[in-house]
């Protein structure tokens, strides 16, 4: 699995699945453009994706965790 996918599972960010594809694609694009985003930048990036489970905190945490993991191994 991609580190972002692993972070989504570890952080419990995959809930009903309605928003997961869009959140993962948005998160991956954000990390490709900005490997170490702030929480505010993550929230801005995912603003166009609606989560029906109101799981934004877990999603934001997962994206931030993936960015930290990527930074720890020197990026992709």
PDB file of N, CA and C in Angstrom:
ATOM      1  N   UNK A   1       0.841  -1.185   0.000  1.00  0.00           N
ATOM      2  CA  UNK A   1       0.000   0.000   0.000  1.00  0.00           C
ATOM      3  C   UNK A   1       0.885   1.247   0.000  1.00  0.00           C
ATOM      4  N   UNK A   2       0.337   2.290  -0.506  1.00  0.00           N
ATOM      5  CA  UNK A   2       0.983   3.592  -0.471  1.00  0.00           C
ATOM      6  C   UNK A   2       1.027   4.080   0.980  1.00  0.00           C
ATOM      7  N   UNK A   3       2.070   4.833   1.369  1.00  0.00           N
ATOM      8  CA  UNK A   3       2.123   5.346   2.746  1.00  0.00           C
ATOM      9  C   UNK A   3       0.886   6.150   3.145  1.00  0.00           C
ATOM     10  N   UNK A   4       0.288   6.846   2.204  1.00  0.00           N
ATOM     11  CA  UNK A   4      -0.931   7.599   2.522  1.00  0.00           C
ATOM     12  C   UNK A   4      -2.076   6.641   2.834  1.00  0.00           C
ATOM     13  N   UNK A   5      -2.201   5.578   2.069  1.00  0.00           N
ATOM     14  CA  UNK A   5      -3.245   4.580   2.345  1.00  0.00           C
ATOM     15  C   UNK A   5      -3.020   3.945   3.713  1.00  0.00           C
ATOM     16  N   UNK A   6      -1.767   3.614   4.021  1.00  0.00           N
ATOM     17  CA  UNK A   6      -1.451   3.016   5.322  1.00  0.00           C
ATOM     18  C   UNK A   6      -1.822   3.975   6.456  1.00  0.00           C
ATOM     19  N   UNK A   7      -1.521   5.252   6.272  1.00  0.00           N
ATOM     20  CA  UNK A   7      -1.847   6.243   7.299  1.00  0.00           C
ATOM     21  C   UNK A   7      -3.361   6.360   7.477  1.00  0.00           C
ATOM     22  N   UNK A   8      -4.113   6.287   6.377  1.00  0.00           N
ATOM     23  CA  UNK A   8      -5.578   6.346   6.473  1.00  0.00           C
ATOM     24  C   UNK A   8      -6.101   5.176   7.307  1.00  0.00           C
ATOM     25  N   UNK A   9      -5.554   3.993   7.091  1.00  0.00           N
ATOM     26  CA  UNK A   9      -5.989   2.823   7.859  1.00  0.00           C
ATOM     27  C   UNK A   9      -5.585   2.976   9.321  1.00  0.00           C
ATOM     28  N   UNK A  10      -4.334   3.334   9.560  1.00  0.00           N
ATOM     29  CA  UNK A  10      -3.831   3.453  10.933  1.00  0.00           C
ATOM     30  C   UNK A  10      -4.566   4.528  11.741  1.00  0.00           C
ATOM     31  N   UNK A  11      -4.952   5.610  11.095  1.00  0.00           N
ATOM     32  CA  UNK A  11      -5.629   6.711  11.787  1.00  0.00           C
ATOM     33  C   UNK A  11      -7.153   6.558  11.819  1.00  0.00           C
ATOM     34  N   UNK A  12      -7.681   5.510  11.223  1.00  0.00           N
ATOM     35  CA  UNK A  12      -9.128   5.314  11.199  1.00  0.00           C
ATOM     36  C   UNK A  12      -9.840   6.309  10.312  1.00  0.00           C
ATOM     37  N   UNK A  13      -9.142   6.783   9.274  1.00  0.00           N
ATOM     38  CA  UNK A  13      -9.711   7.804   8.389  1.00  0.00           C
ATOM     39  C   UNK A  13     -10.626   7.211   7.325  1.00  0.00           C
ATOM     40  N   UNK A  14     -10.599   5.894   7.173  1.00  0.00           N
ATOM     41  CA  UNK A  14     -11.495   5.236   6.219  1.00  0.00           C
ATOM     42  C   UNK A  14     -12.721   4.803   7.004  1.00  0.00           C
ATOM     43  N   UNK A  15     -13.812   5.505   6.803  1.00  0.00           N
ATOM     44  CA  UNK A  15     -15.013   5.189   7.552  1.00  0.00           C
ATOM     45  C   UNK A  15     -16.044   4.551   6.622  1.00  0.00           C
ATOM     46  N   UNK A  16     -17.008   5.294   6.136  1.00  0.00           N
ATOM     47  CA  UNK A  16     -18.042   4.681   5.286  1.00  0.00           C
ATOM     48  C   UNK A  16     -17.551   4.458   3.859  1.00  0.00           C
ATOM     49  N   UNK A  17     -16.496   5.169   3.448  1.00  0.00           N
ATOM     50  CA  UNK A  17     -15.947   4.995   2.113  1.00  0.00           C
ATOM     51  C   UNK A  17     -16.445   5.997   1.087  1.00  0.00           C
ATOM     52  N   UNK A  18     -17.423   6.805   1.439  1.00  0.00           N
ATOM     53  CA  UNK A  18     -17.988   7.784   0.510  1.00  0.00           C
ATOM     54  C   UNK A  18     -16.923   8.756   0.005  1.00  0.00           C
ATOM     55  N   UNK A  19     -16.115   9.275   0.910  1.00  0.00           N
ATOM     56  CA  UNK A  19     -15.146  10.307   0.537  1.00  0.00           C
ATOM     57  C   UNK A  19     -13.735   9.767   0.320  1.00  0.00           C
ATOM     58  N   UNK A  20     -13.485   8.530   0.683  1.00  0.00           N
ATOM     59  CA  UNK A  20     -12.120   7.996   0.682  1.00  0.00           C
ATOM     60  C   UNK A  20     -11.380   8.164  -0.640  1.00  0.00           C
ATOM     61  N   UNK A  21     -11.978   7.819  -1.780  1.00  0.00           N
ATOM     62  CA  UNK A  21     -11.233   7.987  -3.034  1.00  0.00           C
ATOM     63  C   UNK A  21     -10.811   9.434  -3.284  1.00  0.00           C
ATOM     64  N   UNK A  22     -11.707  10.370  -3.078  1.00  0.00           N
ATOM     65  CA  UNK A  22     -11.384  11.779  -3.294  1.00  0.00           C
ATOM     66  C   UNK A  22     -10.375  12.300  -2.290  1.00  0.00           C
ATOM     67  N   UNK A  23     -10.508  11.882  -1.041  1.00  0.00           N
ATOM     68  CA  UNK A  23      -9.564  12.328  -0.018  1.00  0.00           C
ATOM     69  C   UNK A  23      -8.168  11.784  -0.300  1.00  0.00           C
ATOM     70  N   UNK A  24      -8.092  10.524  -0.701  1.00  0.00           N
ATOM     71  CA  UNK A  24      -6.790   9.933  -1.014  1.00  0.00           C
ATOM     72  C   UNK A  24      -6.153  10.613  -2.229  1.00  0.00           C
ATOM     73  N   UNK A  25      -6.950  10.854  -3.257  1.00  0.00           N
ATOM     74  CA  UNK A  25      -6.406  11.514  -4.447  1.00  0.00           C
ATOM     75  C   UNK A  25      -5.970  12.937  -4.123  1.00  0.00           C
ATOM     76  N   UNK A  26      -6.772  13.646  -3.359  1.00  0.00           N
ATOM     77  CA  UNK A  26      -6.425  15.010  -2.981  1.00  0.00           C
ATOM     78  C   UNK A  26      -5.188  15.023  -2.091  1.00  0.00           C
ATOM     79  N   UNK A  27      -5.146  14.114  -1.135  1.00  0.00           N
ATOM     80  CA  UNK A  27      -3.984  14.031  -0.246  1.00  0.00           C
ATOM     81  C   UNK A  27      -2.709  13.699  -0.989  1.00  0.00           C
ATOM     82  N   UNK A  28      -2.809  12.770  -1.926  1.00  0.00           N
ATOM     83  CA  UNK A  28      -1.636  12.384  -2.723  1.00  0.00           C
ATOM     84  C   UNK A  28      -1.150  13.558  -3.569  1.00  0.00           C
ATOM     85  N   UNK A  29      -2.070  14.282  -4.189  1.00  0.00           N
ATOM     86  CA  UNK A  29      -1.699  15.445  -4.997  1.00  0.00           C
ATOM     87  C   UNK A  29      -1.073  16.531  -4.123  1.00  0.00           C
ATOM     88  N   UNK A  30      -1.643  16.759  -2.944  1.00  0.00           N
ATOM     89  CA  UNK A  30      -1.089  17.755  -2.038  1.00  0.00           C
ATOM     90  C   UNK A  30       0.333  17.389  -1.647  1.00  0.00           C
ATOM     91  N   UNK A  31       0.557  16.132  -1.257  1.00  0.00           N
ATOM     92  CA  UNK A  31       1.883  15.714  -0.806  1.00  0.00           C
ATOM     93  C   UNK A  31       2.904  15.722  -1.946  1.00  0.00           C
ATOM     94  N   UNK A  32       2.441  15.516  -3.160  1.00  0.00           N
ATOM     95  CA  UNK A  32       3.351  15.595  -4.303  1.00  0.00           C
ATOM     96  C   UNK A  32       3.799  17.039  -4.536  1.00  0.00           C
ATOM     97  N   UNK A  33       2.889  17.970  -4.291  1.00  0.00           N
ATOM     98  CA  UNK A  33       3.171  19.386  -4.504  1.00  0.00           C
ATOM     99  C   UNK A  33       3.844  20.026  -3.285  1.00  0.00           C
ATOM    100  N   UNK A  34       3.442  19.583  -2.102  1.00  0.00           N
ATOM    101  CA  UNK A  34       3.923  20.152  -0.845  1.00  0.00           C
ATOM    102  C   UNK A  34       4.156  18.996   0.126  1.00  0.00           C
ATOM    103  N   UNK A  35       5.360  18.420   0.144  1.00  0.00           N
ATOM    104  CA  UNK A  35       5.619  17.216   0.939  1.00  0.00           C
ATOM    105  C   UNK A  35       5.426  17.355   2.448  1.00  0.00           C
ATOM    106  N   UNK A  36       5.508  18.590   2.961  1.00  0.00           N
ATOM    107  CA  UNK A  36       5.339  18.788   4.405  1.00  0.00           C
ATOM    108  C   UNK A  36       4.338  19.923   4.635  1.00  0.00           C
ATOM    109  N   UNK A  37       3.055  19.654   4.401  1.00  0.00           N
ATOM    110  CA  UNK A  37       2.044  20.700   4.572  1.00  0.00           C
ATOM    111  C   UNK A  37       1.712  20.939   6.035  1.00  0.00           C
ATOM    112  N   UNK A  38       1.178  22.113   6.298  1.00  0.00           N
ATOM    113  CA  UNK A  38       0.658  22.409   7.632  1.00  0.00           C
ATOM    114  C   UNK A  38      -0.764  21.854   7.725  1.00  0.00           C
ATOM    115  N   UNK A  39      -1.297  21.836   8.921  1.00  0.00           N
ATOM    116  CA  UNK A  39      -2.687  21.394   9.096  1.00  0.00           C
ATOM    117  C   UNK A  39      -3.622  22.286   8.291  1.00  0.00           C
ATOM    118  N   UNK A  40      -3.376  23.573   8.305  1.00  0.00           N
ATOM    119  CA  UNK A  40      -4.210  24.515   7.558  1.00  0.00           C
ATOM    120  C   UNK A  40      -4.167  24.208   6.059  1.00  0.00           C
ATOM    121  N   UNK A  41      -2.991  23.919   5.536  1.00  0.00           N
ATOM    122  CA  UNK A  41      -2.857  23.597   4.113  1.00  0.00           C
ATOM    123  C   UNK A  41      -3.584  22.302   3.759  1.00  0.00           C
ATOM    124  N   UNK A  42      -3.541  21.330   4.650  1.00  0.00           N
ATOM    125  CA  UNK A  42      -4.268  20.076   4.420  1.00  0.00           C
ATOM    126  C   UNK A  42      -5.769  20.363   4.395  1.00  0.00           C
ATOM    127  N   UNK A  43      -6.243  21.128   5.361  1.00  0.00           N
ATOM    128  CA  UNK A  43      -7.675  21.442   5.420  1.00  0.00           C
ATOM    129  C   UNK A  43      -8.129  22.224   4.187  1.00  0.00           C
ATOM    130  N   UNK A  44      -7.300  23.132   3.704  1.00  0.00           N
ATOM    131  CA  UNK A  44      -7.634  23.865   2.480  1.00  0.00           C
ATOM    132  C   UNK A  44      -7.698  22.911   1.294  1.00  0.00           C
ATOM    133  N   UNK A  45      -6.753  21.989   1.216  1.00  0.00           N
ATOM    134  CA  UNK A  45      -6.692  21.062   0.082  1.00  0.00           C
ATOM    135  C   UNK A  45      -7.923  20.158   0.017  1.00  0.00           C
ATOM    136  N   UNK A  46      -8.393  19.692   1.163  1.00  0.00           N
ATOM    137  CA  UNK A  46      -9.520  18.749   1.172  1.00  0.00           C
ATOM    138  C   UNK A  46     -10.878  19.435   1.264  1.00  0.00           C
ATOM    139  N   UNK A  47     -10.892  20.746   1.279  1.00  0.00           N
ATOM    140  CA  UNK A  47     -12.138  21.495   1.471  1.00  0.00           C
ATOM    141  C   UNK A  47     -13.223  21.151   0.449  1.00  0.00           C
ATOM    142  N   UNK A  48     -12.855  20.741  -0.740  1.00  0.00           N
ATOM    143  CA  UNK A  48     -13.840  20.428  -1.771  1.00  0.00           C
ATOM    144  C   UNK A  48     -14.420  19.033  -1.683  1.00  0.00           C
ATOM    145  N   UNK A  49     -13.902  18.209  -0.777  1.00  0.00           N
ATOM    146  CA  UNK A  49     -14.390  16.833  -0.604  1.00  0.00           C
ATOM    147  C   UNK A  49     -15.285  16.765   0.624  1.00  0.00           C
ATOM    148  N   UNK A  50     -16.466  16.227   0.443  1.00  0.00           N
ATOM    149  CA  UNK A  50     -17.406  16.120   1.557  1.00  0.00           C
ATOM    150  C   UNK A  50     -17.306  14.760   2.221  1.00  0.00           C
ATOM    151  N   UNK A  51     -17.172  14.778   3.529  1.00  0.00           N
ATOM    152  CA  UNK A  51     -17.142  13.554   4.323  1.00  0.00           C
ATOM    153  C   UNK A  51     -18.480  13.435   5.040  1.00  0.00           C
ATOM    154  N   UNK A  52     -19.205  12.370   4.752  1.00  0.00           N
ATOM    155  CA  UNK A  52     -20.519  12.171   5.360  1.00  0.00           C
ATOM    156  C   UNK A  52     -20.435  11.742   6.821  1.00  0.00           C
ATOM    157  N   UNK A  53     -19.302  11.231   7.228  1.00  0.00           N
ATOM    158  CA  UNK A  53     -19.123  10.761   8.603  1.00  0.00           C
ATOM    159  C   UNK A  53     -18.502  11.834   9.495  1.00  0.00           C
ATOM    160  N   UNK A  54     -18.292  13.021   8.973  1.00  0.00           N
ATOM    161  CA  UNK A  54     -17.601  14.117   9.660  1.00  0.00           C
ATOM    162  C   UNK A  54     -16.268  13.649  10.238  1.00  0.00           C
ATOM    163  N   UNK A  55     -15.535  12.900   9.438  1.00  0.00           N
ATOM    164  CA  UNK A  55     -14.253  12.370   9.884  1.00  0.00           C
ATOM    165  C   UNK A  55     -13.064  13.203   9.487  1.00  0.00           C
ATOM    166  N   UNK A  56     -13.245  14.485   9.354  1.00  0.00           N
ATOM    167  CA  UNK A  56     -12.156  15.333   8.870  1.00  0.00           C
ATOM    168  C   UNK A  56     -10.919  15.296   9.756  1.00  0.00           C
ATOM    169  N   UNK A  57     -11.081  15.213  11.060  1.00  0.00           N
ATOM    170  CA  UNK A  57      -9.931  15.208  11.970  1.00  0.00           C
ATOM    171  C   UNK A  57      -9.042  14.007  11.668  1.00  0.00           C
ATOM    172  N   UNK A  58      -9.626  12.857  11.516  1.00  0.00           N
ATOM    173  CA  UNK A  58      -8.845  11.646  11.236  1.00  0.00           C
ATOM    174  C   UNK A  58      -8.198  11.712   9.855  1.00  0.00           C
ATOM    175  N   UNK A  59      -8.900  12.286   8.910  1.00  0.00           N
ATOM    176  CA  UNK A  59      -8.363  12.423   7.555  1.00  0.00           C
ATOM    177  C   UNK A  59      -7.175  13.376   7.562  1.00  0.00           C
ATOM    178  N   UNK A  60      -7.321  14.505   8.222  1.00  0.00           N
ATOM    179  CA  UNK A  60      -6.230  15.476   8.325  1.00  0.00           C
ATOM    180  C   UNK A  60      -5.038  14.833   9.025  1.00  0.00           C
ATOM    181  N   UNK A  61      -5.287  14.127  10.119  1.00  0.00           N
ATOM    182  CA  UNK A  61      -4.206  13.460  10.846  1.00  0.00           C
ATOM    183  C   UNK A  61      -3.493  12.430   9.967  1.00  0.00           C
ATOM    184  N   UNK A  62      -4.245  11.713   9.157  1.00  0.00           N
ATOM    185  CA  UNK A  62      -3.649  10.712   8.282  1.00  0.00           C
ATOM    186  C   UNK A  62      -2.746  11.351   7.231  1.00  0.00           C
ATOM    187  N   UNK A  63      -3.186  12.436   6.648  1.00  0.00           N
ATOM    188  CA  UNK A  63      -2.374  13.119   5.632  1.00  0.00           C
ATOM    189  C   UNK A  63      -1.111  13.686   6.278  1.00  0.00           C
ATOM    190  N   UNK A  64      -1.246  14.269   7.457  1.00  0.00           N
ATOM    191  CA  UNK A  64      -0.076  14.793   8.157  1.00  0.00           C
ATOM    192  C   UNK A  64       0.878  13.668   8.547  1.00  0.00           C
ATOM    193  N   UNK A  65       0.337  12.539   8.973  1.00  0.00           N
ATOM    194  CA  UNK A  65       1.177  11.393   9.336  1.00  0.00           C
ATOM    195  C   UNK A  65       1.943  10.882   8.124  1.00  0.00           C
ATOM    196  N   UNK A  66       1.287  10.815   6.977  1.00  0.00           N
ATOM    197  CA  UNK A  66       1.953  10.360   5.758  1.00  0.00           C
ATOM    198  C   UNK A  66       3.064  11.330   5.362  1.00  0.00           C
ATOM    199  N   UNK A  67       2.828  12.620   5.569  1.00  0.00           N
ATOM    200  CA  UNK A  67       3.864  13.603   5.221  1.00  0.00           C
ATOM    201  C   UNK A  67       5.062  13.459   6.142  1.00  0.00           C
ATOM    202  N   UNK A  68       4.828  13.196   7.409  1.00  0.00           N
ATOM    203  CA  UNK A  68       5.921  13.028   8.364  1.00  0.00           C
ATOM    204  C   UNK A  68       6.704  11.751   8.078  1.00  0.00           C
ATOM    205  N   UNK A  69       5.996  10.689   7.694  1.00  0.00           N
ATOM    206  CA  UNK A  69       6.662   9.427   7.373  1.00  0.00           C
ATOM    207  C   UNK A  69       7.526   9.596   6.132  1.00  0.00           C
ATOM    208  N   UNK A  70       7.003  10.320   5.163  1.00  0.00           N
ATOM    209  CA  UNK A  70       7.746  10.565   3.926  1.00  0.00           C
ATOM    210  C   UNK A  70       8.984  11.405   4.211  1.00  0.00           C
ATOM    211  N   UNK A  71       8.849  12.403   5.056  1.00  0.00           N
ATOM    212  CA  UNK A  71       9.985  13.266   5.402  1.00  0.00           C
ATOM    213  C   UNK A  71      11.053  12.485   6.159  1.00  0.00           C
ATOM    214  N   UNK A  72      10.615  11.529   6.979  1.00  0.00           N
ATOM    215  CA  UNK A  72      11.555  10.741   7.771  1.00  0.00           C
ATOM    216  C   UNK A  72      12.413   9.830   6.911  1.00  0.00           C
ATOM    217  N   UNK A  73      11.894   9.396   5.779  1.00  0.00           N
ATOM    218  CA  UNK A  73      12.662   8.509   4.892  1.00  0.00           C
ATOM    219  C   UNK A  73      13.247   9.253   3.707  1.00  0.00           C
ATOM    220  N   UNK A  74      13.170  10.559   3.744  1.00  0.00           N
ATOM    221  CA  UNK A  74      13.774  11.352   2.683  1.00  0.00           C
ATOM    222  C   UNK A  74      12.921  11.604   1.475  1.00  0.00           C
ATOM    223  N   UNK A  75      11.592  11.459   1.621  1.00  0.00           N
ATOM    224  CA  UNK A  75      10.687  11.722   0.490  1.00  0.00           C
ATOM    225  C   UNK A  75      10.601  10.541  -0.440  1.00  0.00           C
ATOM    226  N   UNK A  76       9.793  10.711  -1.481  1.00  0.00           N
ATOM    227  CA  UNK A  76       9.611   9.619  -2.444  1.00  0.00           C
ATOM    228  C   UNK A  76      10.323   9.923  -3.709  1.00  0.00           C
TER     229      UNK A  76
END
